[in-house]
Protein backbone atom coordinates (compact mmCIF):
# COMPACT_ATOMS: atom_id res chain seq x y z
CA MET A 1 20.33 -29.89 -0.16
CA LYS A 2 17.06 -31.67 -0.72
CA ASN A 3 14.60 -30.48 -3.35
CA ARG A 4 10.85 -30.87 -2.94
CA LEU A 5 8.40 -29.89 -5.70
CA LEU A 6 5.73 -27.96 -3.88
CA LEU A 7 2.94 -26.79 -6.11
CA ALA A 8 1.76 -25.59 -9.47
CA LEU A 9 -0.08 -22.33 -9.15
CA SER A 10 -2.65 -23.28 -11.74
CA LEU A 11 -4.12 -25.46 -8.98
CA LEU A 12 -4.41 -22.62 -6.49
CA THR A 13 -7.48 -20.55 -5.89
CA VAL A 14 -7.25 -16.97 -7.07
CA SER A 15 -7.40 -14.40 -4.30
CA VAL A 16 -6.45 -10.86 -3.77
CA HIS A 17 0.00 -9.76 -2.75
CA SER A 18 4.84 -8.49 -4.43
CA ALA A 19 7.52 -8.19 -7.10
CA PHE A 20 8.00 -6.11 -10.24
CA ALA A 21 6.33 -7.29 -13.41
CA ASP A 22 9.69 -7.66 -15.15
CA ASN A 23 10.63 -10.39 -12.65
CA PHE A 24 8.70 -12.78 -14.86
CA VAL A 25 9.93 -14.56 -17.98
CA THR A 26 7.28 -12.84 -20.06
CA GLY A 27 4.70 -10.27 -19.09
CA PRO A 28 2.10 -8.05 -20.71
CA GLN A 29 3.29 -4.94 -22.50
CA PRO A 30 2.37 -1.93 -20.34
CA PRO A 31 0.41 0.94 -21.86
CA GLN A 32 2.03 4.14 -23.06
CA ILE A 33 1.45 6.79 -20.38
CA GLN A 34 1.77 10.52 -20.95
CA ALA A 35 2.90 11.99 -17.63
CA GLY A 36 6.07 12.93 -15.80
CA SER A 37 5.97 9.80 -13.63
CA TRP A 38 3.55 7.05 -12.67
CA VAL A 39 3.04 3.83 -10.74
CA LEU A 40 0.48 1.03 -10.78
CA MET A 41 0.52 -0.88 -7.47
CA ASP A 42 -1.32 -3.96 -6.25
CA TYR A 43 -2.88 -2.96 -2.93
CA THR A 44 -2.74 -6.30 -1.14
CA THR A 45 0.96 -6.89 -1.80
CA GLY A 46 2.45 -3.49 -2.52
CA GLN A 47 3.73 -5.01 -5.76
CA VAL A 48 4.50 -2.53 -8.53
CA LEU A 49 3.02 -3.83 -11.78
CA THR A 50 4.43 -1.08 -13.98
CA ALA A 51 6.10 2.27 -13.37
CA GLN A 52 8.24 4.99 -14.87
CA ASN A 53 10.28 7.61 -13.02
CA GLU A 54 8.57 6.29 -9.90
CA HIS A 55 11.27 7.64 -7.56
CA MET A 56 11.59 11.03 -9.27
CA GLN A 57 11.06 13.82 -6.73
CA ARG A 58 8.20 15.99 -7.92
CA ASN A 59 5.84 18.58 -6.49
CA PRO A 60 2.91 16.65 -4.96
CA ALA A 61 0.53 19.66 -4.93
CA SER A 62 -2.72 18.71 -3.17
CA LEU A 63 -1.68 15.07 -2.95
CA THR A 64 0.06 16.44 0.14
CA LYS A 65 -3.36 16.41 1.78
CA LEU A 66 -3.21 12.61 1.89
CA MET A 67 -0.51 12.94 4.55
CA THR A 68 -2.46 15.71 6.28
CA GLY A 69 -5.45 13.39 6.57
CA TYR A 70 -3.21 10.50 7.63
CA VAL A 71 -1.78 12.54 10.52
CA VAL A 72 -5.27 13.56 11.65
CA ASP A 73 -6.40 9.94 11.62
CA ARG A 74 -3.36 8.87 13.66
CA ALA A 75 -4.26 11.55 16.23
CA ILE A 76 -7.76 10.07 16.42
CA ASP A 77 -6.37 6.54 16.73
CA SER A 78 -4.16 7.61 19.64
CA ARG A 79 -7.19 9.32 21.24
CA ARG A 80 -5.49 12.70 21.37
CA ILE A 81 -8.56 14.00 19.55
CA SER A 82 -11.86 12.53 18.34
CA ALA A 83 -13.73 12.88 15.07
CA ASP A 84 -16.58 14.59 16.94
CA ASP A 85 -14.41 17.27 18.57
CA ILE A 86 -15.59 20.80 17.76
CA VAL A 87 -12.98 23.02 16.15
CA THR A 88 -13.21 26.81 16.17
CA VAL A 89 -11.69 28.17 12.96
CA GLY A 90 -8.95 30.75 13.47
CA LYS A 91 -8.14 33.76 11.35
CA ASP A 92 -5.10 32.05 9.80
CA ALA A 93 -7.46 29.60 8.05
CA TRP A 94 -9.43 32.47 6.44
CA ALA A 95 -8.76 32.97 2.75
CA GLN A 96 -9.73 36.64 2.76
CA GLY A 97 -6.62 38.79 2.80
CA ASN A 98 -4.35 35.73 2.66
CA PRO A 99 -2.35 35.87 -0.60
CA VAL A 100 -1.16 32.27 -0.15
CA PHE A 101 -4.71 31.07 -0.81
CA ASN A 102 -5.38 33.22 -3.89
CA GLY A 103 -7.03 31.10 -6.58
CA SER A 104 -6.62 27.88 -4.61
CA SER A 105 -9.19 25.29 -3.55
CA LEU A 106 -11.11 26.14 -0.38
CA MET A 107 -13.87 24.89 1.89
CA PHE A 108 -14.74 28.61 2.39
CA LEU A 109 -14.35 28.71 6.15
CA LYS A 110 -14.59 31.93 8.13
CA PRO A 111 -13.03 32.85 11.47
CA GLY A 112 -15.24 31.72 14.32
CA ASP A 113 -16.91 28.90 12.37
CA ARG A 114 -17.41 25.87 14.58
CA LEU A 115 -17.43 22.40 13.03
CA THR A 116 -16.26 18.90 13.82
CA VAL A 117 -12.97 17.28 12.96
CA ARG A 118 -15.00 14.92 10.77
CA ASP A 119 -16.51 17.81 8.77
CA LEU A 120 -13.14 19.46 8.36
CA SER A 121 -11.72 16.16 7.14
CA ARG A 122 -14.48 15.94 4.54
CA GLY A 123 -13.64 19.47 3.45
CA LEU A 124 -9.97 18.53 3.17
CA ILE A 125 -10.71 15.39 1.11
CA ILE A 126 -13.72 16.31 -1.05
CA ASP A 127 -13.22 20.06 -1.50
CA SER A 128 -9.41 19.83 -1.22
CA GLY A 129 -9.81 22.81 1.09
CA ASN A 130 -6.54 24.51 1.99
CA ASP A 131 -8.36 26.38 4.73
CA ALA A 132 -9.56 23.08 6.23
CA CYS A 133 -5.95 21.88 6.32
CA VAL A 134 -4.87 24.90 8.33
CA ALA A 135 -7.79 24.62 10.75
CA LEU A 136 -6.97 20.95 11.37
CA ALA A 137 -3.27 21.66 11.79
CA ASP A 138 -4.02 24.34 14.37
CA TYR A 139 -6.31 22.02 16.32
CA VAL A 140 -4.15 18.88 16.19
CA ALA A 141 -0.70 20.41 16.65
CA GLY A 142 -1.16 24.01 17.67
CA GLY A 143 0.06 25.42 14.36
CA GLU A 144 1.23 24.62 10.86
CA PRO A 145 4.99 24.24 11.57
CA GLN A 146 4.30 21.76 14.38
CA PHE A 147 1.89 19.81 12.16
CA VAL A 148 4.38 19.70 9.27
CA ALA A 149 6.92 18.21 11.69
CA MET A 150 4.39 15.48 12.46
CA MET A 151 3.88 14.88 8.73
CA ASN A 152 7.61 14.38 8.22
CA LYS A 153 7.78 12.06 11.24
CA TYR A 154 5.30 9.78 9.48
CA VAL A 155 7.31 10.12 6.26
CA THR A 156 10.15 8.44 8.13
CA GLN A 157 7.92 5.83 9.76
CA LEU A 158 6.41 4.82 6.41
CA GLY A 159 9.82 4.67 4.73
CA LEU A 160 9.02 7.36 2.14
CA ARG A 161 12.54 8.03 0.92
CA ASP A 162 11.69 10.59 -1.77
CA THR A 163 9.29 12.71 0.30
CA HIS A 164 9.56 15.84 2.40
CA PHE A 165 6.77 18.26 3.31
CA GLU A 166 6.94 22.00 3.96
CA THR A 167 3.20 22.81 4.01
CA VAL A 168 0.00 21.21 5.27
CA HIS A 169 -1.87 21.79 1.98
CA GLY A 170 0.60 21.27 -0.86
CA LEU A 171 0.81 24.71 -2.39
CA ASP A 172 4.20 25.23 -4.02
CA ALA A 173 7.02 25.52 -1.48
CA SER A 174 10.78 25.20 -1.80
CA GLY A 175 12.01 21.84 -0.52
CA GLN A 176 8.63 20.12 -0.75
CA HIS A 177 8.60 16.98 -2.88
CA SER A 178 7.37 13.42 -3.15
CA SER A 179 7.35 10.63 -5.74
CA ALA A 180 4.78 8.45 -7.45
CA TYR A 181 6.04 5.40 -5.57
CA ASP A 182 5.97 7.09 -2.15
CA LEU A 183 2.45 8.37 -2.76
CA ALA A 184 1.28 4.87 -3.71
CA VAL A 185 2.75 3.56 -0.44
CA LEU A 186 1.01 6.35 1.48
CA SER A 187 -2.28 5.62 -0.28
CA ARG A 188 -1.98 1.96 0.64
CA ALA A 189 -1.44 2.93 4.29
CA ILE A 190 -4.50 5.19 4.20
CA ILE A 191 -6.77 2.52 2.73
CA HIS A 192 -5.56 0.00 5.29
CA GLY A 193 -5.43 2.29 8.31
CA GLU A 194 -8.39 4.63 7.93
CA PRO A 195 -11.51 2.44 7.58
CA GLU A 196 -13.76 5.04 9.22
CA PHE A 197 -12.48 7.90 7.06
CA TYR A 198 -11.61 6.21 3.78
CA HIS A 199 -15.20 6.31 2.50
CA MET A 200 -14.86 10.11 2.33
CA TYR A 201 -12.50 9.72 -0.63
CA SER A 202 -15.38 8.31 -2.69
CA GLU A 203 -17.89 11.08 -1.87
CA ARG A 204 -18.70 13.03 -5.01
CA SER A 205 -19.76 16.34 -3.49
CA LEU A 206 -19.88 18.37 -0.28
CA THR A 207 -22.15 21.23 0.71
CA TRP A 208 -20.93 23.63 3.38
CA ASN A 209 -22.42 27.02 4.24
CA GLY A 210 -24.71 26.73 1.24
CA ILE A 211 -21.83 26.13 -1.18
CA THR A 212 -21.78 22.79 -3.03
CA GLN A 213 -18.53 21.62 -4.57
CA GLN A 214 -17.82 18.51 -6.66
CA ASN A 215 -14.99 16.11 -5.97
CA ARG A 216 -12.31 16.79 -8.61
CA ASN A 217 -11.63 13.08 -9.13
CA GLY A 218 -13.68 12.51 -12.26
CA LEU A 219 -13.03 8.75 -12.20
CA LEU A 220 -15.54 8.47 -9.36
CA TRP A 221 -18.21 8.80 -12.08
CA ASP A 222 -16.65 6.19 -14.41
CA LYS A 223 -19.18 3.35 -14.75
CA ASN A 224 -16.54 0.90 -16.02
CA LEU A 225 -14.21 1.29 -13.04
CA ASN A 226 -15.15 0.92 -9.40
CA VAL A 227 -12.98 3.84 -8.23
CA ASP A 228 -13.42 4.79 -4.57
CA GLY A 229 -10.58 7.31 -4.12
CA LEU A 230 -8.18 8.90 -3.62
CA LYS A 231 -7.15 12.47 -4.61
CA THR A 232 -6.26 14.99 -7.27
CA GLY A 233 -3.72 17.79 -7.17
CA HIS A 234 -2.57 20.66 -9.35
CA THR A 235 -0.26 23.64 -9.22
CA SER A 236 1.64 25.36 -12.01
CA GLY A 237 4.83 23.69 -10.80
CA ALA A 238 3.36 20.22 -10.36
CA GLY A 239 1.15 19.84 -13.40
CA PHE A 240 -1.93 17.66 -12.98
CA ASN A 241 -1.69 14.82 -10.45
CA LEU A 242 -4.11 12.02 -9.61
CA ILE A 243 -4.21 8.95 -7.39
CA ALA A 244 -7.04 6.52 -8.16
CA SER A 245 -7.89 3.31 -6.36
CA SER A 246 -10.10 0.79 -8.13
CA VAL A 247 -11.69 -2.41 -6.81
CA GLU A 248 -12.61 -5.44 -8.93
CA GLY A 249 -13.92 -8.36 -6.89
CA GLN A 250 -11.36 -9.00 -4.16
CA ARG A 251 -8.58 -7.11 -5.97
CA ARG A 252 -7.63 -3.48 -5.51
CA LEU A 253 -5.19 -1.50 -7.66
CA ILE A 254 -3.69 1.94 -6.97
CA ALA A 255 -2.66 4.16 -9.90
CA VAL A 256 -0.57 7.30 -9.36
CA ILE A 257 -0.17 9.88 -12.14
CA MET A 258 2.12 12.89 -11.63
CA GLY A 259 2.70 15.70 -14.09
CA ALA A 260 -0.07 15.07 -16.63
CA ASP A 261 -1.00 17.88 -18.98
CA SER A 262 -4.69 18.40 -18.08
CA PRO A 263 -7.46 17.27 -15.70
CA LYS A 264 -8.88 14.96 -18.36
CA GLY A 265 -5.40 13.78 -19.28
CA ARG A 266 -4.57 12.60 -15.77
CA GLU A 267 -7.87 10.70 -15.65
CA GLU A 268 -7.29 9.04 -19.00
CA GLN A 269 -3.76 7.94 -18.05
CA ALA A 270 -4.94 6.51 -14.71
CA ARG A 271 -7.82 4.78 -16.49
CA LYS A 272 -5.39 3.10 -18.91
CA LEU A 273 -3.25 1.83 -16.04
CA LEU A 274 -6.18 0.46 -14.05
CA HIS A 275 -7.75 -1.34 -17.00
CA TRP A 276 -4.37 -2.80 -18.00
CA GLY A 277 -3.78 -4.11 -14.47
CA GLN A 278 -7.24 -5.63 -14.20
CA ASP A 279 -7.05 -7.26 -17.62
CA ASN A 280 -3.57 -8.75 -17.31
CA PHE A 281 -2.94 -9.73 -13.67
CA ASP A 282 -4.39 -11.99 -11.00
CA THR A 283 -3.46 -11.81 -7.33
CA VAL A 284 -2.81 -15.33 -6.11
CA GLN A 285 -2.28 -16.75 -2.64
CA ILE A 286 0.99 -18.66 -2.87
CA LEU A 287 1.32 -19.93 0.72
CA HIS A 288 -0.99 -20.33 3.70
CA LYS A 289 0.31 -19.61 7.18
CA GLY A 290 0.59 -22.81 9.21
CA LYS A 291 -0.48 -25.09 6.36
CA LYS A 292 1.57 -28.23 5.82
CA ILE A 293 3.44 -28.38 2.52
CA GLY A 294 5.61 -31.39 3.31
CA THR A 295 6.88 -33.88 5.90
CA GLU A 296 10.53 -34.49 6.75
CA HIS A 297 12.42 -37.05 8.81
CA ILE A 298 14.16 -36.02 12.04
CA TRP A 299 16.77 -37.90 14.09
CA TYR A 300 16.97 -38.36 17.86
CA GLY A 301 13.51 -36.95 18.53
CA ASP A 302 10.38 -38.02 20.33
CA ALA A 303 8.86 -38.26 16.84
CA ASP A 304 10.31 -39.61 13.60
CA ALA A 305 9.01 -36.81 11.36
CA PHE A 306 7.77 -33.24 11.41
CA GLU A 307 5.67 -31.05 9.13
CA VAL A 308 7.10 -28.08 7.25
CA GLY A 309 5.43 -24.98 5.88
CA THR A 310 5.50 -21.22 6.30
CA ASN A 311 4.64 -18.88 9.17
CA GLN A 312 3.10 -16.26 6.89
CA ASP A 313 0.36 -15.85 4.33
CA VAL A 314 1.99 -15.03 1.01
CA TYR A 315 0.28 -13.49 -2.02
CA MET A 316 1.65 -12.33 -5.37
CA ALA A 317 0.22 -10.49 -8.33
CA LEU A 318 1.04 -12.62 -11.36
CA PRO A 319 0.57 -12.10 -15.10
CA LYS A 320 -2.43 -14.18 -16.11
CA SER A 321 -0.47 -15.56 -19.06
CA GLU A 322 2.26 -16.88 -16.74
CA VAL A 323 0.14 -18.46 -13.99
CA PRO A 324 0.28 -21.98 -15.56
CA ASN A 325 4.11 -21.71 -15.68
CA ILE A 326 4.61 -20.80 -12.02
CA LYS A 327 5.91 -23.55 -9.74
CA ALA A 328 7.44 -23.71 -6.29
CA LYS A 329 9.78 -26.07 -4.49
CA TYR A 330 11.49 -26.18 -1.15
CA LEU A 331 15.06 -26.98 -0.22
CA LEU A 332 16.28 -28.11 3.21
CA ASP A 333 19.27 -26.33 4.70
CA ARG A 334 20.70 -29.73 5.70
CA GLN A 335 19.77 -33.31 4.91
CA ASP A 336 20.04 -34.74 8.43
CA ILE A 337 17.93 -32.71 10.84
CA GLU A 338 18.33 -33.51 14.53
CA ALA A 339 16.12 -32.88 17.54
CA PRO A 340 15.36 -30.70 19.40
CA LEU A 341 13.39 -28.57 16.95
CA ALA A 342 11.25 -25.57 17.87
CA VAL A 343 8.02 -24.44 16.24
CA ASN A 344 8.67 -21.93 13.40
CA GLN A 345 12.38 -22.77 13.36
CA ARG A 346 13.92 -22.22 9.93
CA VAL A 347 14.85 -25.50 8.26
CA GLY A 348 15.15 -24.41 4.62
CA GLU A 349 13.83 -22.15 1.89
CA ILE A 350 10.79 -22.07 -0.37
CA GLU A 351 11.58 -20.95 -3.92
CA LEU A 352 9.13 -19.72 -6.55
CA PHE A 353 9.93 -20.09 -10.23
CA ASP A 354 8.46 -18.76 -13.45
CA ARG A 355 9.54 -21.60 -15.74
CA ASP A 356 13.29 -21.75 -14.87
CA LYS A 357 13.62 -18.23 -13.46
CA LEU A 358 13.68 -17.72 -9.69
CA ILE A 359 11.29 -14.87 -8.88
CA ALA A 360 10.80 -15.04 -5.10
CA HIS A 361 11.78 -16.98 -1.98
CA TRP A 362 10.70 -17.32 1.66
CA PRO A 363 11.89 -19.22 4.76
CA LEU A 364 10.73 -22.81 5.23
CA VAL A 365 9.91 -23.48 8.88
CA SER A 366 8.88 -26.36 11.12
CA LEU A 367 5.21 -26.39 12.05
CA SER A 368 5.58 -28.49 15.18
CA GLU A 369 7.98 -28.92 18.07
CA VAL A 370 10.11 -32.05 18.30
CA LYS A 371 11.78 -32.73 21.65
CA LYS A 372 14.70 -35.03 22.24
CA GLY A 373 13.70 -38.68 22.35
CA GLY A 374 14.41 -41.13 25.12
CA MET A 375 17.78 -42.78 25.55
CA TRP A 376 16.82 -46.02 23.73
CA SER A 377 15.20 -44.26 20.77
CA ARG A 378 18.25 -42.01 20.39
CA PHE A 379 20.51 -45.06 20.55
CA SER A 380 18.39 -46.79 17.91
CA ASP A 381 18.67 -43.74 15.63
CA TYR A 382 22.43 -43.70 16.19
CA LEU A 383 22.68 -47.31 15.06
CA HIS A 384 20.54 -46.64 11.97
CA ARG A 385 22.72 -43.70 10.95
CA LYS A 386 26.00 -45.54 11.71
CA PHE A 387 25.17 -48.81 10.01
């Protein structure tokens, strides 16, 4: 197979995409995190930069509400409902006389209250209102069991292998669990798929019926981190959970902390992860869709050569210390390529190396079509190959 040196990443422009940090020859030492499990994920790529017990099934507590909001947004996207629809709150969403809601976070709705889906969503996100979750579930699905079934349908669609929901709000329930990794994947889907609602995760307070409540995500006030979401959670069984998303320039990182020992503790652990990721990694565009990276000869065609490249944009989060050592090359599947050749037809493989260690690979494809040549040109090629 032919080898072609492709590029040195030190010549690429830095941008804001996925492999584990230990794929590299050397990488920065991750911080010590005090929590049951955690993940730091690069948003653009889904790359996990550091993690521990990331697939451990744990109680998500109010992080469950991320899926509740995701289901509501999918109902809006499909035009089954709209954000301006008026919802009449039922008695089952009333905290009074409902022991399930004792001591839990509420929007303080009352039966007969009328408010929009948008306002209920703000109450779900900012106040972490369990009553808002029930009101939305009733409106979207006709009841909590039906809505939970929808939540678990999206669990399957998103590939969340460690997650199953039993409630719409996240209060402790047998059989309900998720993982730090799954919740990072869900958060990434929310940021990407809910542009009209995502800004709610950065709102610091909400006033409803004369009651003002502060967002429990204290990192929204951190002047050294541009945190714009996502959610906190706590029950006695879960400990203190937090998902924080931070933006620096064109880069976004998602930190998930599960099972910390206090509200301040979960913030401090997330803060350590976010600073570590920002200080030690760059997200680099490796390949550009449709951009030529080489030219190869072809036999028996209406052209003598064709351009090769990739049919996808490829990004990776790389340790800053290793960027000068990253190189790529491509290899052809066969030395003598013959026409006809279709656009985007695989002809080889692109390989990415950190020094001598292979860390990633992608298909190499043709960027142009080559049809069979005329009889005389094919005969000429035959003679060249034969003699």
